[in-house]
Amino acid sequence: MGAKRLSELMAERGFVLSDRAVQYYLRYLDDMGFTEKVGNMGRILTDYGISETESALVGDRIGFIISKLERLAFRSTFSPGTMTGDVAYNLSIVPKDRIDEVREIYDRVIAARCGFFSSYRILDSDPRVPSGHTGIMTICSITMDGIFQRKGIPVRMAFGGRLSLKNNEPERFTDLIGYRGTTIDPLQLFISAGLTSLSDVVTSGSGIALANVREVPASAEEKVKETIDQMQGCGFVFPVMMGTKVFNLAYNPYRLSIVSFSGMNFIAITVEKGIPIKTEIGAGNVPFSKIMSVN
């Protein structure tokens, strides 16, 4: 990445520095061994630099994940009434010689209704996808937040969790992590720790899937139901459950909890099958019509 692009991205996050100032700090990072210049293309993080980003400034990184997702929600302009506008998406990259296996298991997740959306898009050509690999674009559930906000419904992403199912019926949360107190995406953490069993869910209806919990004012229930009906007509698959008391969460008469399966279930089952996959959560926003170009 070059100094100009880095300066632009920093400005988006509230850190305004000139290109020259960024260049100064980059040279300092070079001297520290954290970055390395690659010709005229810009700089990359060294292994030492990557190690530093993973361990330094933990306190400053708390809340970074939810801030990134909220920014994507704000930029989501999708209207379920017209089926037009932009949605937030996740980008996954898999080896090209494994794409047929990946498509098969993605389709099984869709058939089991364990994803957030009933479609995905294969990227045949994209500069972010390295040679010998294939990209897959799936809708990020933060799109829901953007839709609710544009309809005047205050929404708060509360938890990411592991949801236990038995005979195709969701039973209870086995673990929950709050989005506002973590430096890493909760669902990504569950996946990397091997704490899902989506393969069992799609074959027997029993196992552990990933789900998110959002909260909205209880007084907005009718408007929420109307919006959900519209979204379901567009191919969105939610909610799993909704109410002031859901599963084993605490009762709150003033807040309506909306539980939805996460689009990360596609990634979880791919990891379970031993297929190498790299995913950028909340990679950006794209027109809804692009996601509909699937199989």
C-alpha atoms as a PDB file:
ATOM      1  CA  MET A   1       0.000   0.000   0.000  1.00  0.00           C
ATOM      2  CA  GLY A   2       1.199   3.493  -0.853  1.00  0.00           C
ATOM      3  CA  ALA A   3       1.179   6.586   1.372  1.00  0.00           C
ATOM      4  CA  LYS A   4      -1.669   8.261  -0.548  1.00  0.00           C
ATOM      5  CA  ARG A   5      -4.055   5.334  -0.160  1.00  0.00           C
ATOM      6  CA  LEU A   6      -3.038   4.855   3.460  1.00  0.00           C
ATOM      7  CA  SER A   7      -3.697   8.532   4.129  1.00  0.00           C
ATOM      8  CA  GLU A   8      -7.193   8.201   2.610  1.00  0.00           C
ATOM      9  CA  LEU A   9      -8.041   5.136   4.713  1.00  0.00           C
ATOM     10  CA  MET A  10      -6.782   6.805   7.884  1.00  0.00           C
ATOM     11  CA  ALA A  11      -8.908   9.884   7.150  1.00  0.00           C
ATOM     12  CA  GLU A  12     -11.985   7.644   6.917  1.00  0.00           C
ATOM     13  CA  ARG A  13     -11.234   6.556  10.486  1.00  0.00           C
ATOM     14  CA  GLY A  14     -10.736  10.088  11.790  1.00  0.00           C
ATOM     15  CA  PHE A  15      -6.910  10.288  11.576  1.00  0.00           C
ATOM     16  CA  VAL A  16      -6.167  13.129   9.160  1.00  0.00           C
ATOM     17  CA  LEU A  17      -2.541  13.304   8.021  1.00  0.00           C
ATOM     18  CA  SER A  18      -0.983  14.604   4.824  1.00  0.00           C
ATOM     19  CA  ASP A  19       0.671  12.208   2.389  1.00  0.00           C
ATOM     20  CA  ARG A  20       4.050  13.697   3.394  1.00  0.00           C
ATOM     21  CA  ALA A  21       3.381  13.074   7.085  1.00  0.00           C
ATOM     22  CA  VAL A  22       2.387   9.485   6.346  1.00  0.00           C
ATOM     23  CA  GLN A  23       5.586   9.033   4.326  1.00  0.00           C
ATOM     24  CA  TYR A  24       7.591  10.237   7.341  1.00  0.00           C
ATOM     25  CA  TYR A  25       5.985   7.691   9.646  1.00  0.00           C
ATOM     26  CA  LEU A  26       6.364   4.920   7.075  1.00  0.00           C
ATOM     27  CA  ARG A  27      10.098   5.551   6.866  1.00  0.00           C
ATOM     28  CA  TYR A  28      10.203   5.319  10.656  1.00  0.00           C
ATOM     29  CA  LEU A  29       8.329   1.979  10.477  1.00  0.00           C
ATOM     30  CA  ASP A  30      10.879   0.804   7.878  1.00  0.00           C
ATOM     31  CA  ASP A  31      13.679   1.633  10.309  1.00  0.00           C
ATOM     32  CA  MET A  32      11.877  -0.270  13.082  1.00  0.00           C
ATOM     33  CA  GLY A  33      11.562  -3.309  10.811  1.00  0.00           C
ATOM     34  CA  PHE A  34       7.735  -3.248  10.814  1.00  0.00           C
ATOM     35  CA  THR A  35       7.316  -2.373   7.109  1.00  0.00           C
ATOM     36  CA  GLU A  36       9.256  -2.934   3.907  1.00  0.00           C
ATOM     37  CA  LYS A  37       9.157  -0.980   0.658  1.00  0.00           C
ATOM     38  CA  VAL A  38       8.387  -2.912  -2.538  1.00  0.00           C
ATOM     39  CA  GLY A  39       9.689  -0.822  -5.433  1.00  0.00           C
ATOM     40  CA  ASN A  40       7.187   1.851  -6.495  1.00  0.00           C
ATOM     41  CA  MET A  41       4.184  -0.218  -5.452  1.00  0.00           C
ATOM     42  CA  GLY A  42       4.226   0.905  -1.819  1.00  0.00           C
ATOM     43  CA  ARG A  43       4.945  -1.005   1.373  1.00  0.00           C
ATOM     44  CA  ILE A  44       4.003  -4.285   2.968  1.00  0.00           C
ATOM     45  CA  LEU A  45       4.015  -5.379   6.589  1.00  0.00           C
ATOM     46  CA  THR A  46       6.950  -7.610   7.526  1.00  0.00           C
ATOM     47  CA  ASP A  47       6.425 -10.705   9.658  1.00  0.00           C
ATOM     48  CA  TYR A  48       7.651  -8.632  12.598  1.00  0.00           C
ATOM     49  CA  GLY A  49       5.119  -5.919  11.736  1.00  0.00           C
ATOM     50  CA  ILE A  50       2.272  -8.428  11.510  1.00  0.00           C
ATOM     51  CA  SER A  51       3.252  -9.820  14.896  1.00  0.00           C
ATOM     52  CA  GLU A  52       3.199  -6.315  16.353  1.00  0.00           C
ATOM     53  CA  THR A  53      -0.282  -5.510  14.984  1.00  0.00           C
ATOM     54  CA  GLU A  54      -1.631  -8.693  16.526  1.00  0.00           C
ATOM     55  CA  SER A  55      -0.378  -7.890  20.024  1.00  0.00           C
ATOM     56  CA  ALA A  56       0.078  -4.136  20.426  1.00  0.00           C
ATOM     57  CA  LEU A  57      -2.405  -1.489  21.590  1.00  0.00           C
ATOM     58  CA  VAL A  58      -5.046  -4.011  22.662  1.00  0.00           C
ATOM     59  CA  GLY A  59      -6.942  -1.356  24.583  1.00  0.00           C
ATOM     60  CA  ASP A  60      -7.121   0.887  21.509  1.00  0.00           C
ATOM     61  CA  ARG A  61      -8.415  -1.964  19.345  1.00  0.00           C
ATOM     62  CA  ILE A  62     -11.401  -2.800  21.583  1.00  0.00           C
ATOM     63  CA  GLY A  63     -14.501  -1.877  19.619  1.00  0.00           C
ATOM     64  CA  PHE A  64     -12.657  -1.726  16.275  1.00  0.00           C
ATOM     65  CA  ILE A  65     -14.638  -4.647  14.816  1.00  0.00           C
ATOM     66  CA  ILE A  66     -18.055  -3.179  15.604  1.00  0.00           C
ATOM     67  CA  SER A  67     -16.921   0.253  14.369  1.00  0.00           C
ATOM     68  CA  LYS A  68     -15.926  -1.252  11.026  1.00  0.00           C
ATOM     69  CA  LEU A  69     -19.249  -3.093  10.728  1.00  0.00           C
ATOM     70  CA  GLU A  70     -21.265  -0.006  11.656  1.00  0.00           C
ATOM     71  CA  ARG A  71     -19.450   1.945   8.935  1.00  0.00           C
ATOM     72  CA  LEU A  72     -20.455  -0.719   6.390  1.00  0.00           C
ATOM     73  CA  ALA A  73     -24.041  -0.645   7.673  1.00  0.00           C
ATOM     74  CA  PHE A  74     -24.190   3.121   7.155  1.00  0.00           C
ATOM     75  CA  ARG A  75     -22.962   2.677   3.581  1.00  0.00           C
ATOM     76  CA  SER A  76     -25.536  -0.031   2.815  1.00  0.00           C
ATOM     77  CA  THR A  77     -28.261   1.603   0.712  1.00  0.00           C
ATOM     78  CA  PHE A  78     -30.279  -1.508  -0.156  1.00  0.00           C
ATOM     79  CA  SER A  79     -34.054  -1.102  -0.279  1.00  0.00           C
ATOM     80  CA  PRO A  80     -35.990  -4.383   0.050  1.00  0.00           C
ATOM     81  CA  GLY A  81     -39.028  -2.677  -1.472  1.00  0.00           C
ATOM     82  CA  THR A  82     -37.294  -2.043  -4.804  1.00  0.00           C
ATOM     83  CA  MET A  83     -34.530  -4.672  -4.462  1.00  0.00           C
ATOM     84  CA  THR A  84     -31.974  -2.024  -5.425  1.00  0.00           C
ATOM     85  CA  GLY A  85     -29.021  -0.423  -3.675  1.00  0.00           C
ATOM     86  CA  ASP A  86     -25.782  -1.576  -2.079  1.00  0.00           C
ATOM     87  CA  VAL A  87     -25.271  -4.368   0.445  1.00  0.00           C
ATOM     88  CA  ALA A  88     -22.261  -5.181   2.649  1.00  0.00           C
ATOM     89  CA  TYR A  89     -20.364  -8.326   1.734  1.00  0.00           C
ATOM     90  CA  ASN A  90     -17.717 -10.770   2.922  1.00  0.00           C
ATOM     91  CA  LEU A  91     -15.006 -11.911   0.512  1.00  0.00           C
ATOM     92  CA  SER A  92     -13.602 -15.443   0.764  1.00  0.00           C
ATOM     93  CA  ILE A  93     -10.720 -16.873  -1.242  1.00  0.00           C
ATOM     94  CA  VAL A  94     -10.260 -20.608  -1.826  1.00  0.00           C
ATOM     95  CA  PRO A  95      -7.961 -22.720  -4.053  1.00  0.00           C
ATOM     96  CA  LYS A  96      -9.375 -22.887  -7.568  1.00  0.00           C
ATOM     97  CA  ASP A  97      -9.106 -26.686  -7.659  1.00  0.00           C
ATOM     98  CA  ARG A  98     -11.414 -26.926  -4.597  1.00  0.00           C
ATOM     99  CA  ILE A  99     -14.165 -24.566  -5.812  1.00  0.00           C
ATOM    100  CA  ASP A 100     -16.557 -27.366  -6.823  1.00  0.00           C
ATOM    101  CA  GLU A 101     -16.382 -28.803  -3.277  1.00  0.00           C
ATOM    102  CA  VAL A 102     -16.919 -25.360  -1.790  1.00  0.00           C
ATOM    103  CA  ARG A 103     -19.949 -24.662  -3.969  1.00  0.00           C
ATOM    104  CA  GLU A 104     -21.466 -27.976  -2.966  1.00  0.00           C
ATOM    105  CA  ILE A 105     -21.178 -27.278   0.748  1.00  0.00           C
ATOM    106  CA  TYR A 106     -22.335 -23.654   0.340  1.00  0.00           C
ATOM    107  CA  ASP A 107     -25.437 -25.001  -1.414  1.00  0.00           C
ATOM    108  CA  ARG A 108     -26.026 -27.415   1.470  1.00  0.00           C
ATOM    109  CA  VAL A 109     -25.907 -24.549   3.968  1.00  0.00           C
ATOM    110  CA  ILE A 110     -28.452 -22.661   1.861  1.00  0.00           C
ATOM    111  CA  ALA A 111     -30.696 -25.744   1.622  1.00  0.00           C
ATOM    112  CA  ALA A 112     -30.548 -26.134   5.405  1.00  0.00           C
ATOM    113  CA  ARG A 113     -31.423 -22.418   5.755  1.00  0.00           C
ATOM    114  CA  CYS A 114     -28.413 -21.835   8.002  1.00  0.00           C
ATOM    115  CA  GLY A 115     -27.007 -18.881   6.094  1.00  0.00           C
ATOM    116  CA  PHE A 116     -28.041 -15.233   6.225  1.00  0.00           C
ATOM    117  CA  PHE A 117     -28.815 -15.059   2.515  1.00  0.00           C
ATOM    118  CA  SER A 118     -29.893 -17.669  -0.017  1.00  0.00           C
ATOM    119  CA  SER A 119     -27.297 -16.880  -2.650  1.00  0.00           C
ATOM    120  CA  TYR A 120     -23.623 -16.101  -3.260  1.00  0.00           C
ATOM    121  CA  ARG A 121     -21.438 -15.037  -6.144  1.00  0.00           C
ATOM    122  CA  ILE A 122     -18.333 -16.641  -7.627  1.00  0.00           C
ATOM    123  CA  LEU A 123     -15.700 -14.101  -8.683  1.00  0.00           C
ATOM    124  CA  ASP A 124     -13.943 -15.281 -11.820  1.00  0.00           C
ATOM    125  CA  SER A 125     -11.788 -12.180 -12.055  1.00  0.00           C
ATOM    126  CA  ASP A 126     -10.889  -9.785  -9.255  1.00  0.00           C
ATOM    127  CA  PRO A 127      -7.560  -8.076  -8.470  1.00  0.00           C
ATOM    128  CA  ARG A 128      -7.874  -9.142  -4.815  1.00  0.00           C
ATOM    129  CA  VAL A 129      -7.940 -12.834  -5.757  1.00  0.00           C
ATOM    130  CA  PRO A 130      -4.443 -14.296  -6.289  1.00  0.00           C
ATOM    131  CA  SER A 131      -3.563 -16.601  -9.160  1.00  0.00           C
ATOM    132  CA  GLY A 132      -4.722 -20.189  -8.674  1.00  0.00           C
ATOM    133  CA  HIS A 133      -7.573 -19.123  -6.405  1.00  0.00           C
ATOM    134  CA  THR A 134     -11.252 -18.253  -6.697  1.00  0.00           C
ATOM    135  CA  GLY A 135     -13.182 -15.572  -4.837  1.00  0.00           C
ATOM    136  CA  ILE A 136     -16.640 -15.999  -3.309  1.00  0.00           C
ATOM    137  CA  MET A 137     -18.801 -13.063  -2.306  1.00  0.00           C
ATOM    138  CA  THR A 138     -21.515 -13.509   0.350  1.00  0.00           C
ATOM    139  CA  ILE A 139     -23.795 -10.907   1.920  1.00  0.00           C
ATOM    140  CA  CYS A 140     -22.687  -9.769   5.366  1.00  0.00           C
ATOM    141  CA  SER A 141     -25.493  -9.681   7.927  1.00  0.00           C
ATOM    142  CA  ILE A 142     -24.580  -6.091   8.855  1.00  0.00           C
ATOM    143  CA  THR A 143     -26.632  -5.217   5.764  1.00  0.00           C
ATOM    144  CA  MET A 144     -29.684  -5.777   7.982  1.00  0.00           C
ATOM    145  CA  ASP A 145     -28.551  -2.969  10.283  1.00  0.00           C
ATOM    146  CA  GLY A 146     -28.289  -0.559   7.356  1.00  0.00           C
ATOM    147  CA  ILE A 147     -31.799  -1.432   6.181  1.00  0.00           C
ATOM    148  CA  PHE A 148     -33.261  -0.986   9.659  1.00  0.00           C
ATOM    149  CA  GLN A 149     -31.498   2.347  10.136  1.00  0.00           C
ATOM    150  CA  ARG A 150     -32.836   3.715   6.862  1.00  0.00           C
ATOM    151  CA  LYS A 151     -36.332   2.807   8.010  1.00  0.00           C
ATOM    152  CA  GLY A 152     -35.817   4.726  11.239  1.00  0.00           C
ATOM    153  CA  ILE A 153     -35.344   1.649  13.449  1.00  0.00           C
ATOM    154  CA  PRO A 154     -32.452   2.003  15.953  1.00  0.00           C
ATOM    155  CA  VAL A 155     -30.510  -1.271  15.928  1.00  0.00           C
ATOM    156  CA  ARG A 156     -27.583  -2.492  18.008  1.00  0.00           C
ATOM    157  CA  MET A 157     -25.366  -5.469  17.178  1.00  0.00           C
ATOM    158  CA  ALA A 158     -25.104  -7.077  20.610  1.00  0.00           C
ATOM    159  CA  PHE A 159     -23.563 -10.567  20.469  1.00  0.00           C
ATOM    160  CA  GLY A 160     -22.035 -13.201  18.260  1.00  0.00           C
ATOM    161  CA  GLY A 161     -22.585 -16.726  19.517  1.00  0.00           C
ATOM    162  CA  ARG A 162     -22.740 -20.481  19.088  1.00  0.00           C
ATOM    163  CA  LEU A 163     -26.318 -21.684  18.717  1.00  0.00           C
ATOM    164  CA  SER A 164     -27.168 -25.303  19.516  1.00  0.00           C
ATOM    165  CA  LEU A 165     -29.706 -27.067  17.264  1.00  0.00           C
ATOM    166  CA  LYS A 166     -31.460 -30.419  17.703  1.00  0.00           C
ATOM    167  CA  ASN A 167     -33.602 -32.015  14.999  1.00  0.00           C
ATOM    168  CA  ASN A 168     -33.576 -28.748  13.032  1.00  0.00           C
ATOM    169  CA  GLU A 169     -34.874 -26.789  16.036  1.00  0.00           C
ATOM    170  CA  PRO A 170     -32.635 -24.107  17.635  1.00  0.00           C
ATOM    171  CA  GLU A 171     -32.419 -24.725  21.389  1.00  0.00           C
ATOM    172  CA  ARG A 172     -30.009 -22.410  23.195  1.00  0.00           C
ATOM    173  CA  PHE A 173     -26.808 -20.395  22.992  1.00  0.00           C
ATOM    174  CA  THR A 174     -23.782 -22.267  24.295  1.00  0.00           C
ATOM    175  CA  ASP A 175     -21.468 -19.227  24.136  1.00  0.00           C
ATOM    176  CA  LEU A 176     -21.827 -15.496  23.499  1.00  0.00           C
ATOM    177  CA  ILE A 177     -19.259 -12.723  22.967  1.00  0.00           C
ATOM    178  CA  GLY A 178     -20.220  -9.039  22.979  1.00  0.00           C
ATOM    179  CA  TYR A 179     -19.154  -7.124  19.870  1.00  0.00           C
ATOM    180  CA  ARG A 180     -18.314  -3.954  21.787  1.00  0.00           C
ATOM    181  CA  GLY A 181     -15.768  -5.526  24.114  1.00  0.00           C
ATOM    182  CA  THR A 182     -13.601  -7.536  21.737  1.00  0.00           C
ATOM    183  CA  THR A 183     -10.598  -6.936  19.484  1.00  0.00           C
ATOM    184  CA  ILE A 184     -11.497  -9.822  17.153  1.00  0.00           C
ATOM    185  CA  ASP A 185     -14.697 -10.831  15.394  1.00  0.00           C
ATOM    186  CA  PRO A 186     -16.469 -13.284  17.767  1.00  0.00           C
ATOM    187  CA  LEU A 187     -17.626 -15.643  15.032  1.00  0.00           C
ATOM    188  CA  GLN A 188     -14.176 -15.765  13.441  1.00  0.00           C
ATOM    189  CA  LEU A 189     -12.837 -16.708  16.861  1.00  0.00           C
ATOM    190  CA  PHE A 190     -15.303 -19.605  17.195  1.00  0.00           C
ATOM    191  CA  ILE A 191     -14.389 -20.854  13.717  1.00  0.00           C
ATOM    192  CA  SER A 192     -10.627 -20.760  14.272  1.00  0.00           C
ATOM    193  CA  ALA A 193     -11.068 -22.555  17.607  1.00  0.00           C
ATOM    194  CA  GLY A 194     -12.993 -25.396  15.926  1.00  0.00           C
ATOM    195  CA  LEU A 195     -16.121 -24.746  17.979  1.00  0.00           C
ATOM    196  CA  THR A 196     -18.723 -25.283  15.241  1.00  0.00           C
ATOM    197  CA  SER A 197     -20.323 -28.394  13.748  1.00  0.00           C
ATOM    198  CA  LEU A 198     -22.113 -27.098  10.661  1.00  0.00           C
ATOM    199  CA  SER A 199     -21.423 -30.381   8.881  1.00  0.00           C
ATOM    200  CA  ASP A 200     -23.669 -32.120  11.422  1.00  0.00           C
ATOM    201  CA  VAL A 201     -26.288 -29.381  11.196  1.00  0.00           C
ATOM    202  CA  VAL A 202     -26.699 -29.695   7.414  1.00  0.00           C
ATOM    203  CA  THR A 203     -26.784 -33.502   7.471  1.00  0.00           C
ATOM    204  CA  SER A 204     -28.754 -34.347  10.618  1.00  0.00           C
ATOM    205  CA  GLY A 205     -30.247 -31.049  11.760  1.00  0.00           C
ATOM    206  CA  SER A 206     -28.364 -31.245  15.059  1.00  0.00           C
ATOM    207  CA  GLY A 207     -25.125 -29.460  15.943  1.00  0.00           C
ATOM    208  CA  ILE A 208     -23.611 -26.028  16.549  1.00  0.00           C
ATOM    209  CA  ALA A 209     -24.115 -23.101  14.159  1.00  0.00           C
ATOM    210  CA  LEU A 210     -23.129 -19.446  14.340  1.00  0.00           C
ATOM    211  CA  ALA A 211     -25.673 -16.704  14.979  1.00  0.00           C
ATOM    212  CA  ASN A 212     -25.814 -13.000  15.820  1.00  0.00           C
ATOM    213  CA  VAL A 213     -28.054 -11.206  18.288  1.00  0.00           C
ATOM    214  CA  ARG A 214     -29.273  -7.692  17.512  1.00  0.00           C
ATOM    215  CA  GLU A 215     -31.391  -5.487  19.716  1.00  0.00           C
ATOM    216  CA  VAL A 216     -34.052  -2.960  18.704  1.00  0.00           C
ATOM    217  CA  PRO A 217     -36.649  -1.068  20.764  1.00  0.00           C
ATOM    218  CA  ALA A 218     -39.612  -3.317  21.623  1.00  0.00           C
ATOM    219  CA  SER A 219     -41.935  -0.531  20.496  1.00  0.00           C
ATOM    220  CA  ALA A 220     -40.620  -0.949  16.921  1.00  0.00           C
ATOM    221  CA  GLU A 221     -41.827  -4.576  16.652  1.00  0.00           C
ATOM    222  CA  GLU A 222     -44.483  -4.020  13.984  1.00  0.00           C
ATOM    223  CA  LYS A 223     -42.138  -2.004  11.786  1.00  0.00           C
ATOM    224  CA  VAL A 224     -39.416  -4.634  12.265  1.00  0.00           C
ATOM    225  CA  LYS A 225     -41.792  -7.437  11.221  1.00  0.00           C
ATOM    226  CA  GLU A 226     -42.830  -5.498   8.128  1.00  0.00           C
ATOM    227  CA  THR A 227     -39.179  -4.947   7.163  1.00  0.00           C
ATOM    228  CA  ILE A 228     -38.315  -8.609   7.764  1.00  0.00           C
ATOM    229  CA  ASP A 229     -41.182  -9.712   5.509  1.00  0.00           C
ATOM    230  CA  GLN A 230     -39.816  -7.509   2.723  1.00  0.00           C
ATOM    231  CA  MET A 231     -36.280  -8.818   3.193  1.00  0.00           C
ATOM    232  CA  GLN A 232     -37.418 -12.442   3.170  1.00  0.00           C
ATOM    233  CA  GLY A 233     -39.047 -11.752  -0.183  1.00  0.00           C
ATOM    234  CA  CYS A 234     -35.603 -10.732  -1.480  1.00  0.00           C
ATOM    235  CA  GLY A 235     -33.891 -13.950  -0.348  1.00  0.00           C
ATOM    236  CA  PHE A 236     -32.744 -13.076   3.178  1.00  0.00           C
ATOM    237  CA  VAL A 237     -33.065 -15.922   5.693  1.00  0.00           C
ATOM    238  CA  PHE A 238     -33.942 -14.665   9.191  1.00  0.00           C
ATOM    239  CA  PRO A 239     -34.934 -14.422  11.971  1.00  0.00           C
ATOM    240  CA  VAL A 240     -34.225 -17.649  13.833  1.00  0.00           C
ATOM    241  CA  MET A 241     -36.180 -16.165  16.740  1.00  0.00           C
ATOM    242  CA  MET A 242     -37.317 -12.734  17.870  1.00  0.00           C
ATOM    243  CA  GLY A 243     -38.740 -11.440  21.139  1.00  0.00           C
ATOM    244  CA  THR A 244     -38.094  -9.802  24.517  1.00  0.00           C
ATOM    245  CA  LYS A 245     -36.993 -13.253  25.783  1.00  0.00           C
ATOM    246  CA  VAL A 246     -35.146 -15.482  23.327  1.00  0.00           C
ATOM    247  CA  PHE A 247     -33.479 -18.800  24.090  1.00  0.00           C
ATOM    248  CA  ASN A 248     -31.377 -18.518  27.267  1.00  0.00           C
ATOM    249  CA  LEU A 249     -30.793 -14.746  27.033  1.00  0.00           C
ATOM    250  CA  ALA A 250     -32.058 -12.486  29.827  1.00  0.00           C
ATOM    251  CA  TYR A 251     -35.579 -11.082  29.555  1.00  0.00           C
ATOM    252  CA  ASN A 252     -35.774  -7.378  28.665  1.00  0.00           C
ATOM    253  CA  PRO A 253     -39.262  -5.869  28.318  1.00  0.00           C
ATOM    254  CA  TYR A 254     -37.900  -2.805  26.507  1.00  0.00           C
ATOM    255  CA  ARG A 255     -35.631  -4.459  23.954  1.00  0.00           C
ATOM    256  CA  LEU A 256     -36.509  -6.848  21.161  1.00  0.00           C
ATOM    257  CA  SER A 257     -33.756  -9.369  20.444  1.00  0.00           C
ATOM    258  CA  ILE A 258     -33.431 -10.556  16.838  1.00  0.00           C
ATOM    259  CA  VAL A 259     -31.453 -13.777  16.359  1.00  0.00           C
ATOM    260  CA  SER A 260     -30.209 -14.555  12.846  1.00  0.00           C
ATOM    261  CA  PHE A 261     -27.895 -17.167  11.405  1.00  0.00           C
ATOM    262  CA  SER A 262     -24.638 -15.643  10.242  1.00  0.00           C
ATOM    263  CA  GLY A 263     -23.218 -15.690   6.737  1.00  0.00           C
ATOM    264  CA  MET A 264     -20.049 -16.914   8.469  1.00  0.00           C
ATOM    265  CA  ASN A 265     -21.639 -20.372   8.598  1.00  0.00           C
ATOM    266  CA  PHE A 266     -20.474 -20.751   4.975  1.00  0.00           C
ATOM    267  CA  ILE A 267     -16.906 -20.202   6.120  1.00  0.00           C
ATOM    268  CA  ALA A 268     -17.269 -22.403   9.219  1.00  0.00           C
ATOM    269  CA  ILE A 269     -18.338 -25.494   7.276  1.00  0.00           C
ATOM    270  CA  THR A 270     -15.558 -24.932   4.719  1.00  0.00           C
ATOM    271  CA  VAL A 271     -12.991 -24.900   7.528  1.00  0.00           C
ATOM    272  CA  GLU A 272     -14.575 -28.035   9.039  1.00  0.00           C
ATOM    273  CA  LYS A 273     -14.075 -29.816   5.711  1.00  0.00           C
ATOM    274  CA  GLY A 274     -10.373 -28.978   5.766  1.00  0.00           C
ATOM    275  CA  ILE A 275     -10.525 -26.707   2.728  1.00  0.00           C
ATOM    276  CA  PRO A 276      -8.135 -23.717   2.930  1.00  0.00           C
ATOM    277  CA  ILE A 277     -10.135 -20.492   3.000  1.00  0.00           C
ATOM    278  CA  LYS A 278      -9.237 -16.894   3.742  1.00  0.00           C
ATOM    279  CA  THR A 279     -12.051 -14.455   4.499  1.00  0.00           C
ATOM    280  CA  GLU A 280     -12.243 -10.694   4.841  1.00  0.00           C
ATOM    281  CA  ILE A 281     -15.292  -9.905   6.968  1.00  0.00           C
ATOM    282  CA  GLY A 282     -16.999  -6.743   5.788  1.00  0.00           C
ATOM    283  CA  ALA A 283     -14.863  -6.375   2.660  1.00  0.00           C
ATOM    284  CA  GLY A 284     -16.989  -3.524   1.329  1.00  0.00           C
ATOM    285  CA  ASN A 285     -20.300  -2.644  -0.283  1.00  0.00           C
ATOM    286  CA  VAL A 286     -21.593  -3.704  -3.721  1.00  0.00           C
ATOM    287  CA  PRO A 287     -24.879  -3.444  -5.651  1.00  0.00           C
ATOM    288  CA  PHE A 288     -27.346  -6.144  -4.586  1.00  0.00           C
ATOM    289  CA  SER A 289     -27.673  -7.282  -8.213  1.00  0.00           C
ATOM    290  CA  LYS A 290     -24.043  -8.446  -8.216  1.00  0.00           C
ATOM    291  CA  ILE A 291     -24.643 -10.911  -5.387  1.00  0.00           C
ATOM    292  CA  MET A 292     -27.602 -12.365  -7.296  1.00  0.00           C
ATOM    293  CA  SER A 293     -25.273 -13.493 -10.117  1.00  0.00           C
ATOM    294  CA  VAL A 294     -24.579 -16.907  -8.629  1.00  0.00           C
ATOM    295  CA  ASN A 295     -24.209 -20.388  -9.916  1.00  0.00           C
END
